[in-house]
Amino acid sequence: MAVAQAKAEGLKLIAEQLQTNGGQGAANLPVAEQYMTEFGKLAKTSNTLVIPSNASDLAGMVTTAMSAFEKMGESSKESGQQIL
């Protein structure tokens, strides 16, 4: 139970920070880093590779991911639900 509470508090803090000035930009860096790391792992472990059409456009991929996150937030506000 303590682990679940700590995780919930951490997610709440992250959600609050994303709303601050520069919060979304700060979130973009680890998203981009993880994308590149995982993409690299996939390329090393398989001889078949499925890539998105804009894989070379890292900024576009991050923008797409963050846009989806924002839309989820807007949808949750409209429905009265909270995403944590």
PDB file of N, CA and C in Angstrom:
ATOM      1  N   MET A   1       0.832  -1.199   0.000  1.00  0.00           N
ATOM      2  CA  MET A   1       0.000   0.000   0.000  1.00  0.00           C
ATOM      3  C   MET A   1       0.871   1.255   0.000  1.00  0.00           C
ATOM      4  N   ALA A   2       1.977   1.218   0.752  1.00  0.00           N
ATOM      5  CA  ALA A   2       2.864   2.379   0.815  1.00  0.00           C
ATOM      6  C   ALA A   2       3.485   2.662  -0.551  1.00  0.00           C
ATOM      7  N   VAL A   3       3.804   1.609  -1.305  1.00  0.00           N
ATOM      8  CA  VAL A   3       4.385   1.789  -2.631  1.00  0.00           C
ATOM      9  C   VAL A   3       3.371   2.458  -3.556  1.00  0.00           C
ATOM     10  N   ALA A   4       2.129   2.020  -3.494  1.00  0.00           N
ATOM     11  CA  ALA A   4       1.076   2.602  -4.335  1.00  0.00           C
ATOM     12  C   ALA A   4       0.859   4.076  -3.990  1.00  0.00           C
ATOM     13  N   GLN A   5       0.877   4.397  -2.708  1.00  0.00           N
ATOM     14  CA  GLN A   5       0.697   5.792  -2.289  1.00  0.00           C
ATOM     15  C   GLN A   5       1.868   6.648  -2.766  1.00  0.00           C
ATOM     16  N   ALA A   6       3.087   6.122  -2.629  1.00  0.00           N
ATOM     17  CA  ALA A   6       4.261   6.872  -3.071  1.00  0.00           C
ATOM     18  C   ALA A   6       4.214   7.106  -4.574  1.00  0.00           C
ATOM     19  N   LYS A   7       3.788   6.089  -5.318  1.00  0.00           N
ATOM     20  CA  LYS A   7       3.690   6.240  -6.767  1.00  0.00           C
ATOM     21  C   LYS A   7       2.625   7.273  -7.134  1.00  0.00           C
ATOM     22  N   ALA A   8       1.485   7.224  -6.457  1.00  0.00           N
ATOM     23  CA  ALA A   8       0.413   8.188  -6.722  1.00  0.00           C
ATOM     24  C   ALA A   8       0.878   9.613  -6.418  1.00  0.00           C
ATOM     25  N   GLU A   9       1.594   9.791  -5.314  1.00  0.00           N
ATOM     26  CA  GLU A   9       2.090  11.124  -4.960  1.00  0.00           C
ATOM     27  C   GLU A   9       3.113  11.612  -5.980  1.00  0.00           C
ATOM     28  N   GLY A  10       3.971  10.700  -6.437  1.00  0.00           N
ATOM     29  CA  GLY A  10       4.955  11.061  -7.453  1.00  0.00           C
ATOM     30  C   GLY A  10       4.302  11.478  -8.752  1.00  0.00           C
ATOM     31  N   LEU A  11       3.288  10.730  -9.173  1.00  0.00           N
ATOM     32  CA  LEU A  11       2.576  11.062 -10.407  1.00  0.00           C
ATOM     33  C   LEU A  11       1.828  12.385 -10.282  1.00  0.00           C
ATOM     34  N   LYS A  12       1.285  12.638  -9.106  1.00  0.00           N
ATOM     35  CA  LYS A  12       0.591  13.912  -8.887  1.00  0.00           C
ATOM     36  C   LYS A  12       1.577  15.074  -8.990  1.00  0.00           C
ATOM     37  N   LEU A  13       2.761  14.906  -8.425  1.00  0.00           N
ATOM     38  CA  LEU A  13       3.788  15.946  -8.496  1.00  0.00           C
ATOM     39  C   LEU A  13       4.215  16.187  -9.935  1.00  0.00           C
ATOM     40  N   ILE A  14       4.391  15.101 -10.692  1.00  0.00           N
ATOM     41  CA  ILE A  14       4.759  15.242 -12.107  1.00  0.00           C
ATOM     42  C   ILE A  14       3.665  15.987 -12.861  1.00  0.00           C
ATOM     43  N   ALA A  15       2.412  15.617 -12.634  1.00  0.00           N
ATOM     44  CA  ALA A  15       1.295  16.280 -13.308  1.00  0.00           C
ATOM     45  C   ALA A  15       1.277  17.773 -13.000  1.00  0.00           C
ATOM     46  N   GLU A  16       1.533  18.124 -11.756  1.00  0.00           N
ATOM     47  CA  GLU A  16       1.567  19.543 -11.376  1.00  0.00           C
ATOM     48  C   GLU A  16       2.707  20.263 -12.087  1.00  0.00           C
ATOM     49  N   GLN A  17       3.872  19.635 -12.154  1.00  0.00           N
ATOM     50  CA  GLN A  17       5.027  20.268 -12.780  1.00  0.00           C
ATOM     51  C   GLN A  17       4.845  20.428 -14.289  1.00  0.00           C
ATOM     52  N   LEU A  18       4.128  19.495 -14.911  1.00  0.00           N
ATOM     53  CA  LEU A  18       3.868  19.615 -16.343  1.00  0.00           C
ATOM     54  C   LEU A  18       3.026  20.843 -16.662  1.00  0.00           C
ATOM     55  N   GLN A  19       2.255  21.312 -15.693  1.00  0.00           N
ATOM     56  CA  GLN A  19       1.413  22.481 -15.896  1.00  0.00           C
ATOM     57  C   GLN A  19       2.175  23.793 -15.737  1.00  0.00           C
ATOM     58  N   THR A  20       3.393  23.741 -15.194  1.00  0.00           N
ATOM     59  CA  THR A  20       4.166  24.964 -14.990  1.00  0.00           C
ATOM     60  C   THR A  20       4.823  25.409 -16.285  1.00  0.00           C
ATOM     61  N   ASN A  21       5.286  26.641 -16.314  1.00  0.00           N
ATOM     62  CA  ASN A  21       5.968  27.188 -17.478  1.00  0.00           C
ATOM     63  C   ASN A  21       7.235  26.380 -17.743  1.00  0.00           C
ATOM     64  N   GLY A  22       7.321  25.795 -18.919  1.00  0.00           N
ATOM     65  CA  GLY A  22       8.477  24.984 -19.293  1.00  0.00           C
ATOM     66  C   GLY A  22       8.359  23.523 -18.916  1.00  0.00           C
ATOM     67  N   GLY A  23       7.294  23.163 -18.249  1.00  0.00           N
ATOM     68  CA  GLY A  23       7.116  21.782 -17.809  1.00  0.00           C
ATOM     69  C   GLY A  23       7.016  20.800 -18.961  1.00  0.00           C
ATOM     70  N   GLN A  24       6.254  21.147 -19.991  1.00  0.00           N
ATOM     71  CA  GLN A  24       6.112  20.261 -21.150  1.00  0.00           C
ATOM     72  C   GLN A  24       7.446  20.105 -21.867  1.00  0.00           C
ATOM     73  N   GLY A  25       8.183  21.183 -21.982  1.00  0.00           N
ATOM     74  CA  GLY A  25       9.497  21.109 -22.631  1.00  0.00           C
ATOM     75  C   GLY A  25      10.450  20.218 -21.865  1.00  0.00           C
ATOM     76  N   ALA A  26      10.415  20.318 -20.555  1.00  0.00           N
ATOM     77  CA  ALA A  26      11.280  19.479 -19.729  1.00  0.00           C
ATOM     78  C   ALA A  26      10.908  18.003 -19.859  1.00  0.00           C
ATOM     79  N   ALA A  27       9.642  17.732 -20.072  1.00  0.00           N
ATOM     80  CA  ALA A  27       9.188  16.350 -20.228  1.00  0.00           C
ATOM     81  C   ALA A  27       9.604  15.777 -21.579  1.00  0.00           C
ATOM     82  N   ASN A  28       9.813  16.611 -22.562  1.00  0.00           N
ATOM     83  CA  ASN A  28      10.171  16.138 -23.897  1.00  0.00           C
ATOM     84  C   ASN A  28      11.524  15.441 -23.938  1.00  0.00           C
ATOM     85  N   LEU A  29      12.492  15.905 -23.171  1.00  0.00           N
ATOM     86  CA  LEU A  29      13.836  15.335 -23.230  1.00  0.00           C
ATOM     87  C   LEU A  29      13.860  13.864 -22.836  1.00  0.00           C
ATOM     88  N   PRO A  30      13.339  13.470 -21.681  1.00  0.00           N
ATOM     89  CA  PRO A  30      13.384  12.033 -21.365  1.00  0.00           C
ATOM     90  C   PRO A  30      12.552  11.182 -22.323  1.00  0.00           C
ATOM     91  N   VAL A  31      11.487  11.741 -22.887  1.00  0.00           N
ATOM     92  CA  VAL A  31      10.693  11.000 -23.873  1.00  0.00           C
ATOM     93  C   VAL A  31      11.556  10.726 -25.099  1.00  0.00           C
ATOM     94  N   ALA A  32      12.255  11.741 -25.575  1.00  0.00           N
ATOM     95  CA  ALA A  32      13.125  11.577 -26.734  1.00  0.00           C
ATOM     96  C   ALA A  32      14.271  10.613 -26.434  1.00  0.00           C
ATOM     97  N   GLU A  33      14.867  10.715 -25.252  1.00  0.00           N
ATOM     98  CA  GLU A  33      15.964   9.821 -24.876  1.00  0.00           C
ATOM     99  C   GLU A  33      15.496   8.375 -24.827  1.00  0.00           C
ATOM    100  N   GLN A  34      14.341   8.136 -24.228  1.00  0.00           N
ATOM    101  CA  GLN A  34      13.835   6.768 -24.126  1.00  0.00           C
ATOM    102  C   GLN A  34      13.470   6.229 -25.505  1.00  0.00           C
ATOM    103  N   TYR A  35      12.903   7.060 -26.352  1.00  0.00           N
ATOM    104  CA  TYR A  35      12.563   6.642 -27.711  1.00  0.00           C
ATOM    105  C   TYR A  35      13.817   6.159 -28.436  1.00  0.00           C
ATOM    106  N   MET A  36      14.878   6.942 -28.362  1.00  0.00           N
ATOM    107  CA  MET A  36      16.114   6.580 -29.055  1.00  0.00           C
ATOM    108  C   MET A  36      16.742   5.327 -28.456  1.00  0.00           C
ATOM    109  N   THR A  37      16.720   5.190 -27.146  1.00  0.00           N
ATOM    110  CA  THR A  37      17.281   4.009 -26.489  1.00  0.00           C
ATOM    111  C   THR A  37      16.540   2.750 -26.907  1.00  0.00           C
ATOM    112  N   GLU A  38      15.218   2.795 -26.826  1.00  0.00           N
ATOM    113  CA  GLU A  38      14.418   1.619 -27.173  1.00  0.00           C
ATOM    114  C   GLU A  38      14.495   1.299 -28.660  1.00  0.00           C
ATOM    115  N   PHE A  39      14.527   2.306 -29.481  1.00  0.00           N
ATOM    116  CA  PHE A  39      14.640   2.099 -30.913  1.00  0.00           C
ATOM    117  C   PHE A  39      15.979   1.431 -31.233  1.00  0.00           C
ATOM    118  N   GLY A  40      17.029   1.865 -30.552  1.00  0.00           N
ATOM    119  CA  GLY A  40      18.348   1.261 -30.727  1.00  0.00           C
ATOM    120  C   GLY A  40      18.376  -0.194 -30.289  1.00  0.00           C
ATOM    121  N   LYS A  41      17.718  -0.510 -29.173  1.00  0.00           N
ATOM    122  CA  LYS A  41      17.648  -1.892 -28.695  1.00  0.00           C
ATOM    123  C   LYS A  41      16.931  -2.765 -29.713  1.00  0.00           C
ATOM    124  N   LEU A  42      15.844  -2.266 -30.251  1.00  0.00           N
ATOM    125  CA  LEU A  42      15.079  -3.008 -31.236  1.00  0.00           C
ATOM    126  C   LEU A  42      15.928  -3.306 -32.463  1.00  0.00           C
ATOM    127  N   ALA A  43      16.695  -2.336 -32.896  1.00  0.00           N
ATOM    128  CA  ALA A  43      17.531  -2.513 -34.080  1.00  0.00           C
ATOM    129  C   ALA A  43      18.631  -3.547 -33.834  1.00  0.00           C
ATOM    130  N   LYS A  44      19.127  -3.664 -32.614  1.00  0.00           N
ATOM    131  CA  LYS A  44      20.198  -4.615 -32.290  1.00  0.00           C
ATOM    132  C   LYS A  44      19.698  -6.041 -32.136  1.00  0.00           C
ATOM    133  N   THR A  45      18.446  -6.225 -31.719  1.00  0.00           N
ATOM    134  CA  THR A  45      17.977  -7.567 -31.364  1.00  0.00           C
ATOM    135  C   THR A  45      17.145  -8.236 -32.441  1.00  0.00           C
ATOM    136  N   SER A  46      16.946  -7.609 -33.553  1.00  0.00           N
ATOM    137  CA  SER A  46      16.081  -8.186 -34.568  1.00  0.00           C
ATOM    138  C   SER A  46      16.657  -7.940 -35.951  1.00  0.00           C
ATOM    139  N   ASN A  47      16.410  -8.889 -36.844  1.00  0.00           N
ATOM    140  CA  ASN A  47      16.826  -8.645 -38.220  1.00  0.00           C
ATOM    141  C   ASN A  47      15.675  -8.060 -39.044  1.00  0.00           C
ATOM    142  N   THR A  48      14.521  -7.917 -38.417  1.00  0.00           N
ATOM    143  CA  THR A  48      13.365  -7.279 -39.045  1.00  0.00           C
ATOM    144  C   THR A  48      13.035  -6.035 -38.243  1.00  0.00           C
ATOM    145  N   LEU A  49      12.865  -4.943 -38.913  1.00  0.00           N
ATOM    146  CA  LEU A  49      12.637  -3.681 -38.218  1.00  0.00           C
ATOM    147  C   LEU A  49      11.460  -2.957 -38.843  1.00  0.00           C
ATOM    148  N   VAL A  50      10.473  -2.650 -38.028  1.00  0.00           N
ATOM    149  CA  VAL A  50       9.326  -1.855 -38.465  1.00  0.00           C
ATOM    150  C   VAL A  50       9.542  -0.464 -37.897  1.00  0.00           C
ATOM    151  N   ILE A  51       9.597   0.517 -38.767  1.00  0.00           N
ATOM    152  CA  ILE A  51       9.852   1.876 -38.311  1.00  0.00           C
ATOM    153  C   ILE A  51       8.730   2.803 -38.750  1.00  0.00           C
ATOM    154  N   PRO A  52       8.486   3.821 -37.947  1.00  0.00           N
ATOM    155  CA  PRO A  52       7.488   4.811 -38.364  1.00  0.00           C
ATOM    156  C   PRO A  52       8.007   5.587 -39.572  1.00  0.00           C
ATOM    157  N   SER A  53       7.111   6.103 -40.356  1.00  0.00           N
ATOM    158  CA  SER A  53       7.505   6.810 -41.579  1.00  0.00           C
ATOM    159  C   SER A  53       8.353   8.045 -41.297  1.00  0.00           C
ATOM    160  N   ASN A  54       8.228   8.601 -40.114  1.00  0.00           N
ATOM    161  CA  ASN A  54       8.995   9.802 -39.779  1.00  0.00           C
ATOM    162  C   ASN A  54      10.003   9.512 -38.665  1.00  0.00           C
ATOM    163  N   ALA A  55      10.632   8.347 -38.684  1.00  0.00           N
ATOM    164  CA  ALA A  55      11.564   7.963 -37.619  1.00  0.00           C
ATOM    165  C   ALA A  55      12.747   8.920 -37.508  1.00  0.00           C
ATOM    166  N   SER A  56      13.137   9.543 -38.601  1.00  0.00           N
ATOM    167  CA  SER A  56      14.263  10.477 -38.549  1.00  0.00           C
ATOM    168  C   SER A  56      13.863  11.823 -37.959  1.00  0.00           C
ATOM    169  N   ASP A  57      12.580  12.045 -37.814  1.00  0.00           N
ATOM    170  CA  ASP A  57      12.079  13.302 -37.275  1.00  0.00           C
ATOM    171  C   ASP A  57      11.771  13.132 -35.789  1.00  0.00           C
ATOM    172  N   LEU A  58      12.823  13.133 -34.973  1.00  0.00           N
ATOM    173  CA  LEU A  58      12.669  12.911 -33.536  1.00  0.00           C
ATOM    174  C   LEU A  58      11.776  13.975 -32.904  1.00  0.00           C
ATOM    175  N   ALA A  59      11.959  15.217 -33.304  1.00  0.00           N
ATOM    176  CA  ALA A  59      11.130  16.285 -32.742  1.00  0.00           C
ATOM    177  C   ALA A  59       9.664  16.042 -33.055  1.00  0.00           C
ATOM    178  N   GLY A  60       9.380  15.559 -34.261  1.00  0.00           N
ATOM    179  CA  GLY A  60       8.001  15.257 -34.630  1.00  0.00           C
ATOM    180  C   GLY A  60       7.423  14.120 -33.814  1.00  0.00           C
ATOM    181  N   MET A  61       8.241  13.101 -33.533  1.00  0.00           N
ATOM    182  CA  MET A  61       7.781  11.977 -32.733  1.00  0.00           C
ATOM    183  C   MET A  61       7.457  12.430 -31.304  1.00  0.00           C
ATOM    184  N   VAL A  62       8.322  13.246 -30.739  1.00  0.00           N
ATOM    185  CA  VAL A  62       8.085  13.755 -29.383  1.00  0.00           C
ATOM    186  C   VAL A  62       6.853  14.644 -29.371  1.00  0.00           C
ATOM    187  N   THR A  63       6.715  15.478 -30.385  1.00  0.00           N
ATOM    188  CA  THR A  63       5.542  16.351 -30.471  1.00  0.00           C
ATOM    189  C   THR A  63       4.262  15.531 -30.553  1.00  0.00           C
ATOM    190  N   THR A  64       4.286  14.460 -31.326  1.00  0.00           N
ATOM    191  CA  THR A  64       3.114  13.590 -31.440  1.00  0.00           C
ATOM    192  C   THR A  64       2.770  12.968 -30.099  1.00  0.00           C
ATOM    193  N   ALA A  65       3.793  12.458 -29.397  1.00  0.00           N
ATOM    194  CA  ALA A  65       3.554  11.836 -28.089  1.00  0.00           C
ATOM    195  C   ALA A  65       3.000  12.849 -27.096  1.00  0.00           C
ATOM    196  N   MET A  66       3.573  14.043 -27.062  1.00  0.00           N
ATOM    197  CA  MET A  66       3.120  15.058 -26.117  1.00  0.00           C
ATOM    198  C   MET A  66       1.728  15.559 -26.494  1.00  0.00           C
ATOM    199  N   SER A  67       1.430  15.624 -27.777  1.00  0.00           N
ATOM    200  CA  SER A  67       0.098  16.036 -28.221  1.00  0.00           C
ATOM    201  C   SER A  67      -0.951  15.025 -27.758  1.00  0.00           C
ATOM    202  N   ALA A  68      -0.614  13.746 -27.871  1.00  0.00           N
ATOM    203  CA  ALA A  68      -1.538  12.716 -27.405  1.00  0.00           C
ATOM    204  C   ALA A  68      -1.759  12.848 -25.906  1.00  0.00           C
ATOM    205  N   PHE A  69      -0.687  13.121 -25.161  1.00  0.00           N
ATOM    206  CA  PHE A  69      -0.791  13.297 -23.713  1.00  0.00           C
ATOM    207  C   PHE A  69      -1.694  14.486 -23.387  1.00  0.00           C
ATOM    208  N   GLU A  70      -1.517  15.585 -24.107  1.00  0.00           N
ATOM    209  CA  GLU A  70      -2.342  16.769 -23.869  1.00  0.00           C
ATOM    210  C   GLU A  70      -3.814  16.484 -24.173  1.00  0.00           C
ATOM    211  N   LYS A  71      -4.086  15.771 -25.268  1.00  0.00           N
ATOM    212  CA  LYS A  71      -5.467  15.447 -25.622  1.00  0.00           C
ATOM    213  C   LYS A  71      -6.106  14.560 -24.557  1.00  0.00           C
ATOM    214  N   MET A  72      -5.322  13.642 -23.984  1.00  0.00           N
ATOM    215  CA  MET A  72      -5.837  12.812 -22.903  1.00  0.00           C
ATOM    216  C   MET A  72      -6.208  13.684 -21.713  1.00  0.00           C
ATOM    217  N   GLY A  73      -5.376  14.688 -21.429  1.00  0.00           N
ATOM    218  CA  GLY A  73      -5.652  15.597 -20.327  1.00  0.00           C
ATOM    219  C   GLY A  73      -6.897  16.419 -20.567  1.00  0.00           C
ATOM    220  N   GLU A  74      -7.068  16.913 -21.802  1.00  0.00           N
ATOM    221  CA  GLU A  74      -8.264  17.688 -22.141  1.00  0.00           C
ATOM    222  C   GLU A  74      -9.514  16.832 -22.013  1.00  0.00           C
ATOM    223  N   SER A  75      -9.429  15.608 -22.507  1.00  0.00           N
ATOM    224  CA  SER A  75     -10.563  14.692 -22.455  1.00  0.00           C
ATOM    225  C   SER A  75     -10.942  14.383 -21.013  1.00  0.00           C
ATOM    226  N   SER A  76      -9.935  14.208 -20.168  1.00  0.00           N
ATOM    227  CA  SER A  76     -10.225  13.884 -18.769  1.00  0.00           C
ATOM    228  C   SER A  76     -10.855  15.068 -18.044  1.00  0.00           C
ATOM    229  N   LYS A  77     -10.456  16.289 -18.407  1.00  0.00           N
ATOM    230  CA  LYS A  77     -11.052  17.476 -17.794  1.00  0.00           C
ATOM    231  C   LYS A  77     -12.529  17.586 -18.170  1.00  0.00           C
ATOM    232  N   GLU A  78     -12.813  17.314 -19.452  1.00  0.00           N
ATOM    233  CA  GLU A  78     -14.198  17.399 -19.913  1.00  0.00           C
ATOM    234  C   GLU A  78     -15.089  16.363 -19.257  1.00  0.00           C
ATOM    235  N   SER A  79     -14.528  15.185 -18.995  1.00  0.00           N
ATOM    236  CA  SER A  79     -15.341  14.110 -18.404  1.00  0.00           C
ATOM    237  C   SER A  79     -15.320  14.127 -16.875  1.00  0.00           C
ATOM    238  N   GLY A  80     -14.479  15.001 -16.321  1.00  0.00           N
ATOM    239  CA  GLY A  80     -14.390  15.086 -14.877  1.00  0.00           C
ATOM    240  C   GLY A  80     -13.461  14.058 -14.257  1.00  0.00           C
ATOM    241  N   GLN A  81     -12.752  13.305 -15.085  1.00  0.00           N
ATOM    242  CA  GLN A  81     -11.794  12.328 -14.589  1.00  0.00           C
ATOM    243  C   GLN A  81     -10.430  12.975 -14.520  1.00  0.00           C
ATOM    244  N   GLN A  82      -9.564  12.413 -13.684  1.00  0.00           N
ATOM    245  CA  GLN A  82      -8.215  12.943 -13.531  1.00  0.00           C
ATOM    246  C   GLN A  82      -7.227  11.884 -13.969  1.00  0.00           C
ATOM    247  N   ILE A  83      -6.288  12.261 -14.824  1.00  0.00           N
ATOM    248  CA  ILE A  83      -5.242  11.342 -15.264  1.00  0.00           C
ATOM    249  C   ILE A  83      -4.030  11.552 -14.384  1.00  0.00           C
ATOM    250  N   LEU A  84      -3.584  10.503 -13.744  1.00  0.00           N
ATOM    251  CA  LEU A  84      -2.357  10.578 -12.935  1.00  0.00           C
ATOM    252  C   LEU A  84      -1.405   9.545 -13.386  1.00  0.00           C
TER     253      LEU A  84
END
